[in-house]
Structure formats: C-alpha cells, structure tokens
Amino acid sequence: MKIEEIREKTEQELNEIIADSKKQLFDIRFKKYTNKYENSADLGRANSQIKELRKSIARAKTVINQKKEVK
C-alpha cells in the first residue's frame, strides 16, 4: 500500500490494517518455519511478502504518530 493511500485513512482504519498485516505476517512466518513451502520460489516470495508487510506496518504506525503530533 502506498503512503498516499495510508495518509487518507482514519486512525481506526490504520489500526485495522496493522492488525491484518500482523496476522498475515504471522501466517507467512509460521508456514516458512514449518517448511510448508515446497520449492525455493515460494520461499523467496514469502520472504518478499514478509518484507512488504513489515514496511506497511511501519508506514501505518508512522502515519498514526504523525496524526497524533498534529492534534
């Protein structure tokens, strides 16, 4: 998700995005560490998904903090 899209959302929507992303992150990591991926392509895709989810969580948290500073 792009930062412009994140900035347009309310704090409640951002918290929902964070919760959903954390759940997806947990699921991907669980599959990764229990060897549920059959080939290296799937494992590589999982690694990139983890990276993107972590970034989107950080972006959402940053926007929440920026909105709190403005108030």
N, C-alpha and C. Protein backbone atom coordinates (compact mmCIF):
# COMPACT_ATOMS: atom_id res chain seq x y z
N MET A 1 0.84 -1.17 0.00
CA MET A 1 0.00 0.00 0.00
C MET A 1 0.90 1.24 0.00
N LYS A 2 0.55 2.21 -0.81
CA LYS A 2 1.36 3.41 -0.94
C LYS A 2 1.07 4.37 0.20
N ILE A 3 2.03 5.22 0.49
CA ILE A 3 1.93 6.13 1.62
C ILE A 3 0.78 7.13 1.43
N GLU A 4 0.50 7.53 0.20
CA GLU A 4 -0.61 8.46 -0.05
C GLU A 4 -1.94 7.83 0.36
N GLU A 5 -2.10 6.54 0.05
CA GLU A 5 -3.32 5.83 0.42
C GLU A 5 -3.43 5.70 1.93
N ILE A 6 -2.30 5.48 2.58
CA ILE A 6 -2.30 5.30 4.03
C ILE A 6 -2.65 6.61 4.72
N ARG A 7 -2.15 7.72 4.23
CA ARG A 7 -2.42 9.02 4.85
C ARG A 7 -3.89 9.41 4.78
N GLU A 8 -4.61 8.90 3.80
CA GLU A 8 -6.03 9.24 3.64
C GLU A 8 -6.92 8.48 4.62
N LYS A 9 -6.42 7.45 5.26
CA LYS A 9 -7.22 6.61 6.13
C LYS A 9 -7.31 7.20 7.54
N THR A 10 -8.37 6.80 8.24
CA THR A 10 -8.54 7.24 9.62
C THR A 10 -7.67 6.38 10.54
N GLU A 11 -7.55 6.81 11.79
CA GLU A 11 -6.73 6.07 12.74
C GLU A 11 -7.28 4.66 12.98
N GLN A 12 -8.60 4.54 13.02
CA GLN A 12 -9.22 3.22 13.21
C GLN A 12 -8.91 2.30 12.03
N GLU A 13 -9.00 2.82 10.82
CA GLU A 13 -8.69 2.02 9.63
C GLU A 13 -7.22 1.61 9.63
N LEU A 14 -6.35 2.51 10.08
CA LEU A 14 -4.93 2.19 10.14
C LEU A 14 -4.66 1.09 11.16
N ASN A 15 -5.35 1.14 12.29
CA ASN A 15 -5.19 0.08 13.29
C ASN A 15 -5.66 -1.26 12.75
N GLU A 16 -6.73 -1.26 11.94
CA GLU A 16 -7.21 -2.49 11.32
C GLU A 16 -6.19 -3.02 10.32
N ILE A 17 -5.58 -2.12 9.56
CA ILE A 17 -4.54 -2.52 8.60
C ILE A 17 -3.37 -3.15 9.34
N ILE A 18 -2.97 -2.55 10.45
CA ILE A 18 -1.86 -3.09 11.24
C ILE A 18 -2.19 -4.48 11.76
N ALA A 19 -3.40 -4.65 12.29
CA ALA A 19 -3.79 -5.95 12.83
C ALA A 19 -3.83 -7.01 11.73
N ASP A 20 -4.40 -6.66 10.59
CA ASP A 20 -4.47 -7.61 9.47
C ASP A 20 -3.07 -7.97 8.97
N SER A 21 -2.21 -6.97 8.87
CA SER A 21 -0.85 -7.22 8.39
C SER A 21 -0.08 -8.11 9.36
N LYS A 22 -0.27 -7.87 10.66
CA LYS A 22 0.41 -8.71 11.65
C LYS A 22 -0.06 -10.15 11.58
N LYS A 23 -1.36 -10.34 11.33
CA LYS A 23 -1.89 -11.71 11.21
C LYS A 23 -1.30 -12.40 9.98
N GLN A 24 -1.25 -11.68 8.85
CA GLN A 24 -0.66 -12.23 7.64
C GLN A 24 0.81 -12.54 7.85
N LEU A 25 1.51 -11.65 8.54
CA LEU A 25 2.92 -11.84 8.82
C LEU A 25 3.14 -13.09 9.66
N PHE A 26 2.31 -13.28 10.66
CA PHE A 26 2.41 -14.48 11.49
C PHE A 26 2.18 -15.74 10.66
N ASP A 27 1.14 -15.72 9.82
CA ASP A 27 0.82 -16.89 9.00
C ASP A 27 1.96 -17.24 8.05
N ILE A 28 2.55 -16.23 7.42
CA ILE A 28 3.64 -16.48 6.48
C ILE A 28 4.86 -17.02 7.21
N ARG A 29 5.18 -16.40 8.34
CA ARG A 29 6.34 -16.88 9.11
C ARG A 29 6.12 -18.30 9.62
N PHE A 30 4.90 -18.60 10.04
CA PHE A 30 4.59 -19.94 10.53
C PHE A 30 4.79 -20.97 9.42
N LYS A 31 4.28 -20.67 8.23
CA LYS A 31 4.48 -21.58 7.09
C LYS A 31 5.95 -21.72 6.75
N LYS A 32 6.67 -20.60 6.81
CA LYS A 32 8.09 -20.62 6.47
C LYS A 32 8.88 -21.53 7.41
N TYR A 33 8.63 -21.38 8.70
CA TYR A 33 9.43 -22.12 9.68
C TYR A 33 8.95 -23.55 9.90
N THR A 34 7.76 -23.89 9.40
CA THR A 34 7.32 -25.28 9.48
C THR A 34 7.51 -25.99 8.14
N ASN A 35 8.27 -25.34 7.25
CA ASN A 35 8.63 -25.92 5.94
C ASN A 35 7.41 -26.30 5.10
N LYS A 36 6.42 -25.43 5.06
CA LYS A 36 5.23 -25.68 4.24
C LYS A 36 5.44 -25.28 2.78
N TYR A 37 6.51 -24.55 2.51
CA TYR A 37 6.78 -24.17 1.13
C TYR A 37 7.57 -25.28 0.44
N GLU A 38 7.08 -25.66 -0.73
CA GLU A 38 7.63 -26.83 -1.40
C GLU A 38 8.88 -26.52 -2.23
N ASN A 39 8.98 -25.31 -2.74
CA ASN A 39 10.17 -25.00 -3.55
C ASN A 39 10.73 -23.64 -3.18
N SER A 40 11.89 -23.34 -3.71
CA SER A 40 12.57 -22.11 -3.32
C SER A 40 11.87 -20.86 -3.86
N ALA A 41 11.12 -20.99 -4.94
CA ALA A 41 10.39 -19.83 -5.47
C ALA A 41 9.32 -19.37 -4.48
N ASP A 42 8.62 -20.32 -3.89
CA ASP A 42 7.61 -19.98 -2.89
C ASP A 42 8.26 -19.37 -1.66
N LEU A 43 9.40 -19.89 -1.28
CA LEU A 43 10.12 -19.37 -0.12
C LEU A 43 10.60 -17.94 -0.38
N GLY A 44 11.10 -17.70 -1.57
CA GLY A 44 11.53 -16.35 -1.95
C GLY A 44 10.37 -15.37 -1.95
N ARG A 45 9.22 -15.82 -2.45
CA ARG A 45 8.02 -15.00 -2.46
C ARG A 45 7.59 -14.69 -1.03
N ALA A 46 7.71 -15.67 -0.15
CA ALA A 46 7.35 -15.47 1.26
C ALA A 46 8.26 -14.42 1.89
N ASN A 47 9.54 -14.49 1.57
CA ASN A 47 10.48 -13.52 2.12
C ASN A 47 10.15 -12.10 1.67
N SER A 48 9.78 -11.94 0.41
CA SER A 48 9.43 -10.61 -0.07
C SER A 48 8.11 -10.12 0.52
N GLN A 49 7.17 -11.05 0.76
CA GLN A 49 5.91 -10.67 1.40
C GLN A 49 6.15 -10.21 2.83
N ILE A 50 7.04 -10.90 3.54
CA ILE A 50 7.38 -10.51 4.90
C ILE A 50 7.95 -9.10 4.91
N LYS A 51 8.84 -8.84 3.98
CA LYS A 51 9.47 -7.53 3.88
C LYS A 51 8.42 -6.44 3.63
N GLU A 52 7.51 -6.68 2.70
CA GLU A 52 6.49 -5.69 2.37
C GLU A 52 5.50 -5.49 3.53
N LEU A 53 5.12 -6.56 4.20
CA LEU A 53 4.21 -6.43 5.34
C LEU A 53 4.84 -5.63 6.46
N ARG A 54 6.10 -5.88 6.74
CA ARG A 54 6.80 -5.13 7.79
C ARG A 54 6.85 -3.64 7.44
N LYS A 55 7.07 -3.35 6.18
CA LYS A 55 7.12 -1.95 5.74
C LYS A 55 5.75 -1.29 5.85
N SER A 56 4.69 -2.01 5.47
CA SER A 56 3.36 -1.41 5.54
C SER A 56 2.93 -1.17 6.99
N ILE A 57 3.33 -2.07 7.90
CA ILE A 57 3.04 -1.87 9.32
C ILE A 57 3.78 -0.62 9.81
N ALA A 58 5.03 -0.48 9.44
CA ALA A 58 5.82 0.69 9.86
C ALA A 58 5.22 1.98 9.30
N ARG A 59 4.80 1.95 8.04
CA ARG A 59 4.19 3.14 7.44
C ARG A 59 2.92 3.54 8.19
N ALA A 60 2.07 2.55 8.47
CA ALA A 60 0.81 2.84 9.16
C ALA A 60 1.08 3.41 10.56
N LYS A 61 2.03 2.83 11.28
CA LYS A 61 2.36 3.33 12.62
C LYS A 61 2.93 4.74 12.55
N THR A 62 3.73 5.01 11.53
CA THR A 62 4.31 6.35 11.35
C THR A 62 3.21 7.38 11.12
N VAL A 63 2.25 7.06 10.27
CA VAL A 63 1.16 7.99 9.97
C VAL A 63 0.31 8.22 11.22
N ILE A 64 0.06 7.16 12.00
CA ILE A 64 -0.70 7.33 13.25
C ILE A 64 0.03 8.30 14.17
N ASN A 65 1.33 8.12 14.32
CA ASN A 65 2.11 9.02 15.20
C ASN A 65 2.13 10.44 14.66
N GLN A 66 2.20 10.62 13.36
CA GLN A 66 2.20 11.95 12.77
C GLN A 66 0.85 12.62 13.02
N LYS A 67 -0.24 11.86 12.91
CA LYS A 67 -1.57 12.43 13.15
C LYS A 67 -1.73 12.82 14.62
N LYS A 68 -1.14 12.05 15.54
CA LYS A 68 -1.24 12.37 16.96
C LYS A 68 -0.44 13.65 17.27
N GLU A 69 0.69 13.85 16.61
CA GLU A 69 1.50 15.04 16.84
C GLU A 69 0.78 16.31 16.37
N VAL A 70 -0.01 16.19 15.32
CA VAL A 70 -0.71 17.33 14.76
C VAL A 70 -1.83 17.81 15.70
N LYS A 71 -2.45 16.85 16.39
CA LYS A 71 -3.58 17.20 17.27
C LYS A 71 -3.17 18.01 18.43
